[in-house]
Amino acid sequence: MDYPYRRETLYADSDVEVVRVTWPPRTHSFAHDHGNSSGLIRVLSGSVYHDVFDKGTLTPRGRSVFQAGECFLETPDISTSWGMTATKRR
């Protein structure tokens, strides 16, 4: 499957995986979850939006926008969609 982003694993062991995801301007993911995993996301540059849904029903819970330097948490009880808000590369 082709994805609109690039994913690079920086570190992985049996307990944790650290990845860098690079999103082109005006791209997004479809609603998805990560099973029983949690994730901490830090925005390195630009800004991203983060839509949160109930995991089983995909009922929307809300949208947040995060700027460079900010972090947010994804937990096992949600589904999410997120992507770039910028219209051009920085």
N, C-alpha and C. Protein backbone atom coordinates (compact mmCIF):
# COMPACT_ATOMS: atom_id res chain seq x y z
N MET A 1 0.85 -1.18 0.00
CA MET A 1 0.00 0.00 0.00
C MET A 1 0.89 1.24 0.00
N ASP A 2 0.56 2.24 -0.81
CA ASP A 2 1.29 3.50 -0.83
C ASP A 2 0.71 4.43 0.23
N TYR A 3 1.59 5.10 0.95
CA TYR A 3 1.18 6.06 1.96
C TYR A 3 1.64 7.44 1.54
N PRO A 4 0.93 8.50 1.97
CA PRO A 4 1.30 9.86 1.57
C PRO A 4 2.46 10.43 2.38
N TYR A 5 3.12 9.62 3.18
CA TYR A 5 4.19 10.10 4.05
C TYR A 5 5.37 9.14 4.00
N ARG A 6 6.49 9.61 4.55
CA ARG A 6 7.68 8.76 4.66
C ARG A 6 7.86 8.39 6.14
N ARG A 7 8.12 7.13 6.43
CA ARG A 7 8.29 6.64 7.80
C ARG A 7 9.67 6.02 7.93
N GLU A 8 10.45 6.50 8.91
CA GLU A 8 11.81 6.02 9.14
C GLU A 8 11.95 5.57 10.59
N THR A 9 12.29 4.29 10.80
CA THR A 9 12.51 3.78 12.16
C THR A 9 13.89 4.22 12.64
N LEU A 10 13.92 4.96 13.75
CA LEU A 10 15.18 5.45 14.31
C LEU A 10 15.73 4.50 15.37
N TYR A 11 14.81 3.79 16.07
CA TYR A 11 15.21 2.85 17.11
C TYR A 11 14.05 1.88 17.34
N ALA A 12 14.36 0.64 17.61
CA ALA A 12 13.31 -0.34 17.95
C ALA A 12 13.90 -1.44 18.80
N ASP A 13 13.16 -1.85 19.84
CA ASP A 13 13.47 -3.05 20.60
C ASP A 13 12.15 -3.71 20.95
N SER A 14 12.14 -4.67 21.85
CA SER A 14 10.91 -5.40 22.15
C SER A 14 9.87 -4.57 22.91
N ASP A 15 10.26 -3.40 23.44
CA ASP A 15 9.34 -2.59 24.23
C ASP A 15 8.94 -1.26 23.58
N VAL A 16 9.79 -0.74 22.70
CA VAL A 16 9.54 0.61 22.18
C VAL A 16 10.04 0.73 20.74
N GLU A 17 9.39 1.59 20.00
CA GLU A 17 9.82 1.92 18.65
C GLU A 17 9.79 3.44 18.51
N VAL A 18 10.87 4.01 17.98
CA VAL A 18 10.96 5.44 17.74
C VAL A 18 11.01 5.64 16.23
N VAL A 19 10.05 6.41 15.71
CA VAL A 19 10.00 6.63 14.27
C VAL A 19 9.92 8.13 13.97
N ARG A 20 10.41 8.49 12.81
CA ARG A 20 10.23 9.86 12.30
C ARG A 20 9.34 9.73 11.07
N VAL A 21 8.25 10.50 11.09
CA VAL A 21 7.31 10.50 9.98
C VAL A 21 7.37 11.87 9.33
N THR A 22 7.56 11.90 8.02
CA THR A 22 7.63 13.15 7.27
C THR A 22 6.41 13.23 6.36
N TRP A 23 5.64 14.29 6.54
CA TRP A 23 4.41 14.48 5.77
C TRP A 23 4.61 15.57 4.72
N PRO A 24 4.26 15.31 3.47
CA PRO A 24 4.24 16.39 2.47
C PRO A 24 3.10 17.37 2.81
N PRO A 25 3.17 18.59 2.31
CA PRO A 25 2.11 19.56 2.57
C PRO A 25 0.74 19.04 2.13
N ARG A 26 -0.27 19.41 2.91
CA ARG A 26 -1.68 19.12 2.62
C ARG A 26 -1.98 17.64 2.43
N THR A 27 -1.33 16.79 3.22
CA THR A 27 -1.61 15.36 3.21
C THR A 27 -2.11 14.94 4.58
N HIS A 28 -2.76 13.79 4.66
CA HIS A 28 -3.30 13.32 5.93
C HIS A 28 -3.40 11.79 5.91
N SER A 29 -3.58 11.22 7.08
CA SER A 29 -3.83 9.78 7.19
C SER A 29 -5.34 9.56 7.26
N PHE A 30 -5.75 8.35 6.98
CA PHE A 30 -7.13 7.96 7.22
C PHE A 30 -7.26 7.60 8.70
N ALA A 31 -8.47 7.60 9.22
CA ALA A 31 -8.69 7.22 10.62
C ALA A 31 -8.16 5.82 10.86
N HIS A 32 -7.41 5.67 11.93
CA HIS A 32 -6.78 4.37 12.25
C HIS A 32 -6.49 4.31 13.74
N ASP A 33 -6.16 3.12 14.22
CA ASP A 33 -5.71 2.98 15.61
C ASP A 33 -4.44 2.13 15.59
N HIS A 34 -3.85 2.01 16.77
CA HIS A 34 -2.59 1.27 16.90
C HIS A 34 -2.74 0.11 17.88
N GLY A 35 -3.90 -0.54 17.84
CA GLY A 35 -4.12 -1.68 18.71
C GLY A 35 -4.06 -1.29 20.17
N ASN A 36 -3.24 -1.98 20.95
CA ASN A 36 -3.10 -1.70 22.38
C ASN A 36 -1.92 -0.80 22.68
N SER A 37 -1.33 -0.19 21.66
CA SER A 37 -0.16 0.66 21.85
C SER A 37 -0.55 2.11 22.12
N SER A 38 0.32 2.81 22.81
CA SER A 38 0.22 4.26 23.00
C SER A 38 1.35 4.90 22.23
N GLY A 39 1.20 6.17 21.91
CA GLY A 39 2.26 6.86 21.21
C GLY A 39 2.36 8.31 21.65
N LEU A 40 3.58 8.79 21.77
CA LEU A 40 3.84 10.19 22.06
C LEU A 40 4.37 10.81 20.77
N ILE A 41 3.73 11.85 20.31
CA ILE A 41 4.10 12.49 19.06
C ILE A 41 4.61 13.89 19.36
N ARG A 42 5.76 14.23 18.78
CA ARG A 42 6.31 15.59 18.91
C ARG A 42 6.43 16.16 17.51
N VAL A 43 5.91 17.36 17.33
CA VAL A 43 5.97 18.04 16.04
C VAL A 43 7.34 18.72 15.94
N LEU A 44 8.12 18.36 14.93
CA LEU A 44 9.47 18.90 14.77
C LEU A 44 9.48 20.21 13.99
N SER A 45 8.59 20.34 13.00
CA SER A 45 8.51 21.59 12.24
C SER A 45 7.11 21.74 11.67
N GLY A 46 6.74 22.96 11.38
CA GLY A 46 5.42 23.23 10.82
C GLY A 46 4.32 23.00 11.85
N SER A 47 3.17 22.59 11.38
CA SER A 47 2.05 22.30 12.26
C SER A 47 1.28 21.11 11.70
N VAL A 48 0.63 20.37 12.59
CA VAL A 48 -0.19 19.22 12.20
C VAL A 48 -1.54 19.32 12.89
N TYR A 49 -2.55 18.77 12.24
CA TYR A 49 -3.84 18.64 12.92
C TYR A 49 -3.99 17.19 13.35
N HIS A 50 -4.74 16.98 14.40
CA HIS A 50 -4.92 15.67 15.01
C HIS A 50 -6.40 15.50 15.30
N ASP A 51 -7.09 14.69 14.51
CA ASP A 51 -8.50 14.38 14.73
C ASP A 51 -8.60 13.12 15.57
N VAL A 52 -9.47 13.15 16.57
CA VAL A 52 -9.64 12.01 17.48
C VAL A 52 -11.07 11.48 17.34
N PHE A 53 -11.18 10.15 17.30
CA PHE A 53 -12.47 9.46 17.14
C PHE A 53 -12.59 8.38 18.20
N ASP A 54 -13.85 8.02 18.57
CA ASP A 54 -14.06 6.83 19.39
C ASP A 54 -13.57 5.63 18.60
N LYS A 55 -12.86 4.72 19.25
CA LYS A 55 -12.20 3.62 18.56
C LYS A 55 -13.16 2.70 17.82
N GLY A 56 -14.23 2.29 18.41
CA GLY A 56 -15.12 1.33 17.78
C GLY A 56 -16.07 1.92 16.76
N THR A 57 -16.55 3.14 17.02
CA THR A 57 -17.60 3.72 16.18
C THR A 57 -17.12 4.79 15.22
N LEU A 58 -15.91 5.29 15.42
CA LEU A 58 -15.34 6.41 14.65
C LEU A 58 -16.18 7.69 14.80
N THR A 59 -16.90 7.79 15.93
CA THR A 59 -17.61 9.03 16.24
C THR A 59 -16.57 10.10 16.57
N PRO A 60 -16.62 11.27 15.91
CA PRO A 60 -15.62 12.31 16.16
C PRO A 60 -15.66 12.82 17.60
N ARG A 61 -14.47 13.00 18.18
CA ARG A 61 -14.32 13.61 19.52
C ARG A 61 -13.79 15.03 19.43
N GLY A 62 -13.05 15.35 18.36
CA GLY A 62 -12.54 16.71 18.23
C GLY A 62 -11.26 16.78 17.44
N ARG A 63 -10.83 18.01 17.18
CA ARG A 63 -9.61 18.29 16.43
C ARG A 63 -8.75 19.26 17.23
N SER A 64 -7.45 18.99 17.23
CA SER A 64 -6.46 19.90 17.80
C SER A 64 -5.42 20.19 16.74
N VAL A 65 -4.78 21.34 16.84
CA VAL A 65 -3.67 21.69 15.96
C VAL A 65 -2.44 21.90 16.82
N PHE A 66 -1.34 21.26 16.45
CA PHE A 66 -0.10 21.32 17.21
C PHE A 66 0.99 21.96 16.36
N GLN A 67 1.78 22.82 17.01
CA GLN A 67 2.86 23.54 16.35
C GLN A 67 4.21 22.90 16.67
N ALA A 68 5.23 23.29 15.94
CA ALA A 68 6.59 22.79 16.17
C ALA A 68 6.95 22.92 17.64
N GLY A 69 7.50 21.83 18.21
CA GLY A 69 7.90 21.80 19.61
C GLY A 69 6.84 21.24 20.54
N GLU A 70 5.59 21.18 20.11
CA GLU A 70 4.52 20.65 20.95
C GLU A 70 4.42 19.14 20.81
N CYS A 71 3.85 18.51 21.85
CA CYS A 71 3.68 17.06 21.89
C CYS A 71 2.22 16.71 22.14
N PHE A 72 1.82 15.53 21.71
CA PHE A 72 0.50 15.02 22.06
C PHE A 72 0.57 13.51 22.18
N LEU A 73 -0.40 12.94 22.90
CA LEU A 73 -0.42 11.52 23.22
C LEU A 73 -1.56 10.83 22.49
N GLU A 74 -1.26 9.68 21.90
CA GLU A 74 -2.30 8.81 21.35
C GLU A 74 -2.39 7.59 22.25
N THR A 75 -3.61 7.25 22.69
CA THR A 75 -3.82 6.16 23.62
C THR A 75 -4.60 5.02 22.93
N PRO A 76 -4.59 3.83 23.51
CA PRO A 76 -5.24 2.67 22.87
C PRO A 76 -6.76 2.79 22.71
N ASP A 77 -7.41 3.71 23.41
CA ASP A 77 -8.86 3.79 23.36
C ASP A 77 -9.39 4.69 22.25
N ILE A 78 -8.52 5.21 21.38
CA ILE A 78 -8.97 6.12 20.32
C ILE A 78 -8.50 5.66 18.94
N SER A 79 -9.16 6.20 17.95
CA SER A 79 -8.69 6.16 16.56
C SER A 79 -8.34 7.59 16.21
N THR A 80 -7.38 7.77 15.30
CA THR A 80 -6.95 9.11 14.96
C THR A 80 -6.74 9.26 13.46
N SER A 81 -6.74 10.49 13.04
CA SER A 81 -6.32 10.89 11.71
C SER A 81 -5.51 12.15 11.91
N TRP A 82 -4.41 12.27 11.20
CA TRP A 82 -3.64 13.50 11.33
C TRP A 82 -2.86 13.78 10.08
N GLY A 83 -2.44 15.03 9.94
CA GLY A 83 -1.72 15.42 8.74
C GLY A 83 -1.22 16.84 8.82
N MET A 84 -0.60 17.25 7.75
CA MET A 84 0.01 18.58 7.67
C MET A 84 -1.04 19.64 7.35
N THR A 85 -0.86 20.81 7.95
CA THR A 85 -1.73 21.94 7.64
C THR A 85 -1.10 22.88 6.63
N ALA A 86 0.23 22.80 6.46
CA ALA A 86 0.94 23.72 5.56
C ALA A 86 0.58 23.44 4.10
N THR A 87 0.73 24.47 3.28
CA THR A 87 0.47 24.33 1.85
C THR A 87 1.77 24.21 1.06
N LYS A 88 2.92 24.42 1.69
CA LYS A 88 4.20 24.24 0.99
C LYS A 88 5.25 23.78 1.98
N ARG A 89 6.31 23.17 1.46
CA ARG A 89 7.40 22.70 2.31
C ARG A 89 8.16 23.87 2.89
N ARG A 90 8.69 23.66 4.09
CA ARG A 90 9.53 24.69 4.72
C ARG A 90 10.98 24.41 4.43
